Amino acid sequence: MNIDKAIKRACEEPTLLDALSWVCVWESERAIAQARFNFGSGSNGAGWDTCFKVCLKCVMEQYSSP
């Protein structure tokens, strides 16, 4: 699932708190999978990324939008 689909899915939750929680769990799972893959490939971590701030901002902007 890409970030756009994750934001859309999160915004289906009944409350903003639930939506923010949902997207945090999604981003955690994505980041953990990336870290496990990169750890196994011998990467030094320089290419690892997370985007919690972007996820939270997008959910907050889109949750209240019609």
N, C-alpha and C. Protein backbone atom coordinates (compact mmCIF):
# COMPACT_ATOMS: atom_id res chain seq x y z
N MET A 1 0.86 -1.17 0.00
CA MET A 1 0.00 0.00 0.00
C MET A 1 0.91 1.23 0.00
N ASN A 2 0.61 2.20 -0.85
CA ASN A 2 1.40 3.42 -0.87
C ASN A 2 0.82 4.44 0.11
N ILE A 3 1.52 5.55 0.28
CA ILE A 3 1.11 6.54 1.28
C ILE A 3 -0.26 7.15 0.96
N ASP A 4 -0.56 7.37 -0.31
CA ASP A 4 -1.86 7.94 -0.67
C ASP A 4 -3.01 7.03 -0.25
N LYS A 5 -2.85 5.74 -0.52
CA LYS A 5 -3.88 4.77 -0.13
C LYS A 5 -3.96 4.65 1.39
N ALA A 6 -2.82 4.72 2.06
CA ALA A 6 -2.81 4.63 3.52
C ALA A 6 -3.52 5.83 4.15
N ILE A 7 -3.30 7.02 3.60
CA ILE A 7 -3.96 8.22 4.11
C ILE A 7 -5.47 8.10 3.90
N LYS A 8 -5.85 7.67 2.71
CA LYS A 8 -7.28 7.52 2.41
C LYS A 8 -7.91 6.51 3.37
N ARG A 9 -7.23 5.38 3.58
CA ARG A 9 -7.75 4.35 4.48
C ARG A 9 -7.84 4.86 5.91
N ALA A 10 -6.81 5.57 6.36
CA ALA A 10 -6.81 6.10 7.72
C ALA A 10 -7.99 7.04 7.94
N CYS A 11 -8.30 7.84 6.95
CA CYS A 11 -9.38 8.83 7.07
C CYS A 11 -10.76 8.20 7.10
N GLU A 12 -10.85 6.89 6.90
CA GLU A 12 -12.12 6.18 7.03
C GLU A 12 -12.44 5.85 8.49
N GLU A 13 -11.47 6.05 9.37
CA GLU A 13 -11.68 5.76 10.79
C GLU A 13 -12.69 6.75 11.38
N PRO A 14 -13.40 6.35 12.44
CA PRO A 14 -14.48 7.19 12.97
C PRO A 14 -14.04 8.48 13.66
N THR A 15 -12.81 8.51 14.18
CA THR A 15 -12.34 9.73 14.84
C THR A 15 -10.95 10.09 14.31
N LEU A 16 -10.59 11.35 14.50
CA LEU A 16 -9.26 11.79 14.08
C LEU A 16 -8.18 11.02 14.85
N LEU A 17 -8.39 10.79 16.13
CA LEU A 17 -7.42 10.03 16.91
C LEU A 17 -7.24 8.62 16.35
N ASP A 18 -8.33 7.97 15.99
CA ASP A 18 -8.24 6.64 15.38
C ASP A 18 -7.51 6.70 14.04
N ALA A 19 -7.77 7.73 13.26
CA ALA A 19 -7.11 7.88 11.96
C ALA A 19 -5.61 8.08 12.13
N LEU A 20 -5.22 8.91 13.08
CA LEU A 20 -3.80 9.15 13.33
C LEU A 20 -3.13 7.88 13.85
N SER A 21 -3.81 7.16 14.72
CA SER A 21 -3.27 5.90 15.24
C SER A 21 -3.08 4.89 14.12
N TRP A 22 -4.08 4.80 13.24
CA TRP A 22 -4.01 3.84 12.13
C TRP A 22 -2.81 4.13 11.24
N VAL A 23 -2.61 5.41 10.89
CA VAL A 23 -1.51 5.73 9.98
C VAL A 23 -0.16 5.55 10.67
N CYS A 24 -0.09 5.74 11.99
CA CYS A 24 1.16 5.49 12.71
C CYS A 24 1.52 4.00 12.70
N VAL A 25 0.53 3.16 12.88
CA VAL A 25 0.77 1.71 12.82
C VAL A 25 1.22 1.33 11.41
N TRP A 26 0.56 1.88 10.39
CA TRP A 26 0.95 1.59 9.01
C TRP A 26 2.39 2.01 8.75
N GLU A 27 2.75 3.22 9.16
CA GLU A 27 4.11 3.71 8.93
C GLU A 27 5.13 2.92 9.73
N SER A 28 4.79 2.50 10.93
CA SER A 28 5.70 1.66 11.73
C SER A 28 5.98 0.34 11.03
N GLU A 29 4.92 -0.29 10.52
CA GLU A 29 5.09 -1.56 9.82
C GLU A 29 5.93 -1.38 8.56
N ARG A 30 5.72 -0.28 7.84
CA ARG A 30 6.50 -0.01 6.63
C ARG A 30 7.97 0.22 6.97
N ALA A 31 8.22 1.01 8.00
CA ALA A 31 9.59 1.33 8.39
C ALA A 31 10.32 0.09 8.92
N ILE A 32 9.63 -0.74 9.69
CA ILE A 32 10.25 -1.96 10.21
C ILE A 32 10.61 -2.91 9.07
N ALA A 33 9.71 -3.06 8.11
CA ALA A 33 10.01 -3.92 6.96
C ALA A 33 11.22 -3.40 6.20
N GLN A 34 11.29 -2.09 6.02
CA GLN A 34 12.44 -1.49 5.32
C GLN A 34 13.73 -1.72 6.12
N ALA A 35 13.67 -1.53 7.42
CA ALA A 35 14.86 -1.73 8.25
C ALA A 35 15.33 -3.18 8.21
N ARG A 36 14.39 -4.12 8.28
CA ARG A 36 14.77 -5.54 8.22
C ARG A 36 15.42 -5.87 6.89
N PHE A 37 14.87 -5.36 5.80
CA PHE A 37 15.44 -5.62 4.48
C PHE A 37 16.84 -5.03 4.40
N ASN A 38 16.98 -3.77 4.81
CA ASN A 38 18.28 -3.10 4.71
C ASN A 38 19.31 -3.71 5.65
N PHE A 39 18.88 -4.16 6.83
CA PHE A 39 19.81 -4.81 7.76
C PHE A 39 20.35 -6.09 7.13
N GLY A 40 19.47 -6.84 6.51
CA GLY A 40 19.87 -8.08 5.87
C GLY A 40 20.78 -7.88 4.67
N SER A 41 20.66 -6.73 4.03
CA SER A 41 21.47 -6.46 2.85
C SER A 41 22.81 -5.82 3.20
N GLY A 42 23.04 -5.56 4.49
CA GLY A 42 24.31 -4.99 4.91
C GLY A 42 24.38 -3.48 4.80
N SER A 43 23.25 -2.84 4.56
CA SER A 43 23.23 -1.38 4.44
C SER A 43 23.63 -0.75 5.77
N ASN A 44 24.25 0.42 5.69
CA ASN A 44 24.67 1.11 6.92
C ASN A 44 23.56 1.98 7.51
N GLY A 45 22.40 1.97 6.91
CA GLY A 45 21.28 2.75 7.43
C GLY A 45 21.12 4.11 6.80
N ALA A 46 22.04 4.52 5.96
CA ALA A 46 21.99 5.86 5.37
C ALA A 46 20.76 6.06 4.50
N GLY A 47 20.24 5.01 3.90
CA GLY A 47 19.09 5.15 3.03
C GLY A 47 17.75 4.90 3.70
N TRP A 48 17.77 4.62 4.99
CA TRP A 48 16.53 4.33 5.69
C TRP A 48 15.76 5.61 5.91
N ASP A 49 14.45 5.54 5.85
CA ASP A 49 13.64 6.74 6.05
C ASP A 49 12.33 6.40 6.74
N THR A 50 11.77 7.39 7.37
CA THR A 50 10.42 7.31 7.90
C THR A 50 9.75 8.63 7.57
N CYS A 51 8.45 8.61 7.53
CA CYS A 51 7.73 9.84 7.18
C CYS A 51 6.52 10.04 8.09
N PHE A 52 6.73 9.84 9.39
CA PHE A 52 5.63 10.03 10.34
C PHE A 52 5.04 11.43 10.24
N LYS A 53 5.90 12.44 10.16
CA LYS A 53 5.41 13.82 10.11
C LYS A 53 4.53 14.04 8.89
N VAL A 54 4.95 13.54 7.75
CA VAL A 54 4.17 13.68 6.52
C VAL A 54 2.85 12.93 6.66
N CYS A 55 2.90 11.71 7.17
CA CYS A 55 1.67 10.92 7.34
C CYS A 55 0.68 11.63 8.25
N LEU A 56 1.16 12.10 9.39
CA LEU A 56 0.27 12.76 10.35
C LEU A 56 -0.31 14.05 9.78
N LYS A 57 0.53 14.81 9.10
CA LYS A 57 0.07 16.07 8.50
C LYS A 57 -1.01 15.81 7.45
N CYS A 58 -0.78 14.83 6.59
CA CYS A 58 -1.75 14.51 5.54
C CYS A 58 -3.08 14.04 6.13
N VAL A 59 -3.02 13.20 7.14
CA VAL A 59 -4.26 12.73 7.77
C VAL A 59 -5.00 13.90 8.39
N MET A 60 -4.29 14.77 9.09
CA MET A 60 -4.95 15.91 9.73
C MET A 60 -5.58 16.84 8.70
N GLU A 61 -4.93 17.03 7.57
CA GLU A 61 -5.48 17.89 6.52
C GLU A 61 -6.68 17.25 5.83
N GLN A 62 -6.59 15.96 5.56
CA GLN A 62 -7.64 15.30 4.78
C GLN A 62 -8.80 14.79 5.62
N TYR A 63 -8.58 14.58 6.92
CA TYR A 63 -9.64 14.00 7.74
C TYR A 63 -10.86 14.90 7.79
N SER A 64 -10.65 16.18 7.91
CA SER A 64 -11.78 17.11 8.03
C SER A 64 -12.25 17.65 6.70
N SER A 65 -11.55 17.31 5.62
CA SER A 65 -11.96 17.77 4.29
C SER A 65 -13.15 16.96 3.79
N PRO A 66 -14.06 17.62 3.08
CA PRO A 66 -15.24 16.88 2.55
C PRO A 66 -14.87 15.88 1.48
